[in-house]
Amino acid sequence: MGSATEAIKDVSENLLGGKKVAVVFVLGGPGSGKGTQCTNIVEHYGFSHLSAGDLLRAEIKSGSENGTMIQNMIKEGKIVPSEVTIKLLQTAMLESGNDKFLIDGFPRNEENRAAFERVTGIVPEFVLFFDCSEEEMERRLLGRNEGRVDDNIETIRKRFKVFVESSLPVIEYYDSLGKVKKIDAAKPISEVFEDVKVIFSSFAPKETA
């Protein structure tokens, strides 16, 4: 009984602009298939899908002062400050009018995580972790014909290394709180989604919501 009460307490503390919100962090290495599953969750459960990377790219494209600053930092190989990414996420959350969010590819590191909770006051419901072997992710990425320049073997290995070094401490932190839902992402897409559905069973499906 205690855990249900705790879960309710969590939700009541997750406030955005005075509105209670549910946030799920979605983490997984490059090629783990999290993008595909996020699309499924949006369709079935009415979540809004926010990708930190997409928001940063959109900001750069907009040509705003903020966008120029972000672009210069990326060019110089610097990491965009957590606060900048979090502001973009917060704005997107408020503008969506929704109260359920999948935040994809964020927090990328421990500093992101601490800053997100500090700035927004939002504690995630849980972290959805797509666990996939490096070999399988490599195979998938090399098989993609999306014309992504970064899908060559050296870059893939570098991206994988960055994911392990920076994101695993975040996963370990939430795991210590019992908030990680790990999914075997090596399975076929439809089977992975069956596992996802079990995890999201506490959320009302979109049709009946």
Protein backbone atom coordinates (compact mmCIF):
# COMPACT_ATOMS: atom_id res chain seq x y z
CA MET A 1 0.00 0.00 0.00
CA GLY A 2 2.88 2.31 0.88
CA SER A 3 4.23 2.40 -2.67
CA ALA A 4 0.89 3.51 -4.15
CA THR A 5 0.68 6.33 -1.61
CA GLU A 6 4.26 7.31 -2.41
CA ALA A 7 3.47 7.30 -6.13
CA ILE A 8 0.50 9.61 -5.55
CA LYS A 9 2.70 11.88 -3.42
CA ASP A 10 5.26 11.97 -6.25
CA VAL A 11 2.68 13.01 -8.80
CA SER A 12 1.30 15.75 -6.58
CA GLU A 13 4.79 17.23 -6.29
CA ASN A 14 5.38 17.23 -10.03
CA LEU A 15 4.13 20.70 -10.86
CA LEU A 16 4.53 22.77 -13.98
CA GLY A 17 2.90 26.17 -14.01
CA GLY A 18 0.64 25.02 -11.17
CA LYS A 19 -0.41 21.91 -13.12
CA LYS A 20 0.36 18.35 -12.02
CA VAL A 21 2.38 16.56 -14.62
CA ALA A 22 3.77 13.08 -15.19
CA VAL A 23 7.26 12.90 -16.68
CA VAL A 24 9.00 9.77 -17.95
CA PHE A 25 12.66 9.97 -18.94
CA VAL A 26 13.48 7.74 -21.91
CA LEU A 27 17.09 6.56 -22.13
CA GLY A 28 18.86 4.10 -24.37
CA GLY A 29 21.96 3.96 -26.54
CA PRO A 30 22.00 5.05 -30.18
CA GLY A 31 20.02 2.47 -32.16
CA SER A 32 18.20 1.02 -29.14
CA GLY A 33 14.87 1.80 -30.84
CA LYS A 34 13.60 4.28 -28.28
CA GLY A 35 12.36 6.70 -30.97
CA THR A 36 10.08 4.05 -32.47
CA GLN A 37 8.68 3.12 -29.07
CA CYS A 38 8.16 6.76 -28.08
CA THR A 39 5.96 7.12 -31.18
CA ASN A 40 3.94 4.07 -30.04
CA ILE A 41 3.53 5.47 -26.51
CA VAL A 42 2.36 8.84 -27.89
CA GLU A 43 -0.21 7.08 -30.11
CA HIS A 44 -1.51 4.72 -27.44
CA TYR A 45 -1.27 6.75 -24.24
CA GLY A 46 -1.49 10.38 -25.34
CA PHE A 47 1.90 11.46 -24.05
CA SER A 48 3.78 14.39 -25.59
CA HIS A 49 7.21 13.33 -26.86
CA LEU A 50 9.98 15.85 -26.24
CA SER A 51 13.48 15.27 -27.56
CA ALA A 52 16.11 17.50 -25.99
CA GLY A 53 18.25 17.21 -29.14
CA ASP A 54 15.35 18.19 -31.44
CA LEU A 55 14.51 21.21 -29.27
CA LEU A 56 18.12 22.40 -29.37
CA ARG A 57 18.26 21.96 -33.16
CA ALA A 58 14.96 23.82 -33.59
CA GLU A 59 16.25 26.68 -31.44
CA ILE A 60 19.41 26.93 -33.58
CA LYS A 61 17.29 26.93 -36.74
CA SER A 62 15.07 29.71 -35.40
CA GLY A 63 18.06 32.07 -35.55
CA SER A 64 17.33 33.47 -32.08
CA GLU A 65 20.08 34.88 -29.90
CA ASN A 66 19.77 31.79 -27.74
CA GLY A 67 20.05 29.59 -30.86
CA THR A 68 23.24 31.32 -31.99
CA MET A 69 24.76 30.84 -28.54
CA ILE A 70 23.84 27.13 -28.58
CA GLN A 71 25.29 26.71 -32.09
CA ASN A 72 28.58 28.37 -31.11
CA MET A 73 28.92 26.15 -28.05
CA ILE A 74 28.32 23.00 -30.11
CA LYS A 75 30.82 24.20 -32.74
CA GLU A 76 33.45 24.68 -30.05
CA GLY A 77 32.74 21.18 -28.75
CA LYS A 78 31.31 22.52 -25.51
CA ILE A 79 28.34 21.03 -23.73
CA VAL A 80 25.22 23.20 -23.77
CA PRO A 81 24.47 24.21 -20.14
CA SER A 82 21.74 22.13 -18.49
CA GLU A 83 19.71 25.25 -17.72
CA VAL A 84 19.45 26.12 -21.43
CA THR A 85 18.13 22.67 -22.38
CA ILE A 86 15.80 22.60 -19.36
CA LYS A 87 14.31 26.02 -20.27
CA LEU A 88 13.55 24.71 -23.78
CA LEU A 89 11.95 21.58 -22.30
CA GLN A 90 9.89 23.62 -19.85
CA THR A 91 8.65 25.97 -22.58
CA ALA A 92 7.71 23.02 -24.80
CA MET A 93 5.86 21.38 -21.90
CA LEU A 94 3.87 24.51 -21.10
CA GLU A 95 3.06 25.16 -24.76
CA SER A 96 1.87 21.58 -25.34
CA GLY A 97 -1.03 21.94 -22.91
CA ASN A 98 -0.51 18.27 -22.02
CA ASP A 99 0.20 16.81 -18.58
CA LYS A 100 2.08 13.65 -19.64
CA PHE A 101 5.55 13.81 -21.15
CA LEU A 102 8.18 11.49 -22.51
CA ILE A 103 11.52 13.24 -22.33
CA ASP A 104 13.83 11.50 -24.75
CA GLY A 105 17.62 11.42 -24.54
CA PHE A 106 17.68 13.52 -21.38
CA PRO A 107 19.13 13.71 -18.76
CA ARG A 108 22.36 12.94 -20.61
CA ASN A 109 24.44 13.06 -17.47
CA GLU A 110 24.27 13.41 -13.71
CA GLU A 111 24.55 17.20 -13.85
CA ASN A 112 21.54 17.39 -16.25
CA ARG A 113 19.53 15.22 -13.89
CA ALA A 114 20.24 17.25 -10.76
CA ALA A 115 19.60 20.53 -12.61
CA PHE A 116 16.29 19.31 -14.05
CA GLU A 117 14.91 18.40 -10.63
CA ARG A 118 16.28 21.60 -9.09
CA VAL A 119 14.97 23.95 -11.81
CA THR A 120 11.57 22.36 -12.50
CA GLY A 121 10.83 20.73 -9.15
CA ILE A 122 9.67 17.74 -11.21
CA VAL A 123 10.64 14.23 -10.19
CA PRO A 124 10.13 11.68 -12.98
CA GLU A 125 7.57 8.91 -12.52
CA PHE A 126 10.21 6.50 -13.75
CA VAL A 127 13.00 6.07 -16.28
CA LEU A 128 12.30 3.87 -19.28
CA PHE A 129 15.64 2.30 -20.16
CA PHE A 130 16.02 0.52 -23.50
CA ASP A 131 18.77 -1.98 -22.82
CA CYS A 132 20.50 -3.24 -25.94
CA SER A 133 23.91 -4.75 -26.63
CA GLU A 134 26.50 -2.68 -28.44
CA GLU A 135 26.68 -5.30 -31.23
CA GLU A 136 22.93 -5.13 -31.87
CA MET A 137 22.86 -1.32 -31.87
CA GLU A 138 25.82 -1.25 -34.23
CA ARG A 139 24.07 -3.67 -36.60
CA ARG A 140 20.89 -1.57 -36.59
CA LEU A 141 22.64 1.75 -37.11
CA LEU A 142 24.74 0.45 -39.97
CA GLY A 143 21.61 -1.02 -41.54
CA ARG A 144 19.81 2.34 -41.45
CA ASN A 145 19.73 4.13 -44.74
CA GLU A 146 18.73 7.48 -43.39
CA GLY A 147 21.78 9.20 -44.79
CA ARG A 148 22.93 10.15 -41.31
CA VAL A 149 26.57 11.19 -41.53
CA ASP A 150 27.12 10.06 -37.96
CA ASP A 151 26.21 6.44 -38.69
CA ASN A 152 29.68 5.17 -39.55
CA ILE A 153 31.38 2.63 -37.32
CA GLU A 154 33.86 4.94 -35.54
CA THR A 155 31.20 7.53 -34.79
CA ILE A 156 28.76 4.87 -33.63
CA ARG A 157 31.34 3.50 -31.19
CA LYS A 158 32.12 7.00 -29.94
CA ARG A 159 28.41 7.76 -29.42
CA PHE A 160 28.01 4.48 -27.59
CA LYS A 161 31.00 5.23 -25.32
CA VAL A 162 29.59 8.68 -24.50
CA PHE A 163 26.22 7.13 -23.67
CA VAL A 164 27.78 4.57 -21.33
CA GLU A 165 30.03 7.07 -19.56
CA SER A 166 27.48 9.83 -19.09
CA SER A 167 24.04 8.21 -18.98
CA LEU A 168 24.73 5.07 -16.96
CA PRO A 169 25.33 7.04 -13.72
CA VAL A 170 21.86 8.60 -14.23
CA ILE A 171 20.32 5.16 -14.69
CA GLU A 172 22.15 3.87 -11.59
CA TYR A 173 20.93 6.84 -9.54
CA TYR A 174 17.27 6.25 -10.44
CA ASP A 175 17.74 2.51 -10.07
CA SER A 176 18.76 3.09 -6.45
CA LEU A 177 15.35 4.78 -5.99
CA GLY A 178 13.56 1.87 -7.67
CA LYS A 179 12.54 4.11 -10.57
CA VAL A 180 14.13 2.31 -13.53
CA LYS A 181 12.00 0.17 -15.84
CA LYS A 182 14.42 -1.79 -17.97
CA ILE A 183 13.35 -3.19 -21.33
CA ASP A 184 15.14 -5.78 -23.42
CA ALA A 185 15.40 -3.67 -26.57
CA ALA A 186 17.08 -6.40 -28.62
CA LYS A 187 13.71 -8.08 -29.23
CA PRO A 188 11.55 -7.35 -32.32
CA ILE A 189 9.69 -4.01 -32.25
CA SER A 190 6.26 -5.54 -31.60
CA GLU A 191 7.54 -7.61 -28.66
CA VAL A 192 9.32 -4.60 -27.18
CA PHE A 193 6.05 -2.65 -27.34
CA GLU A 194 4.23 -5.45 -25.49
CA ASP A 195 6.74 -4.95 -22.65
CA VAL A 196 6.23 -1.18 -22.86
CA LYS A 197 2.45 -1.64 -22.55
CA VAL A 198 2.88 -3.57 -19.31
CA ILE A 199 4.95 -0.70 -17.87
CA PHE A 200 2.42 1.93 -18.97
CA SER A 201 -0.62 -0.04 -17.83
CA SER A 202 -1.23 2.46 -15.00
CA PHE A 203 -1.85 5.19 -17.60
CA ALA A 204 -5.23 5.25 -19.33
CA PRO A 205 -5.06 4.34 -23.03
CA LYS A 206 -5.73 7.30 -25.31
CA GLU A 207 -9.12 6.08 -26.63
CA THR A 208 -10.70 5.86 -23.19
CA ALA A 209 -8.97 8.90 -21.71
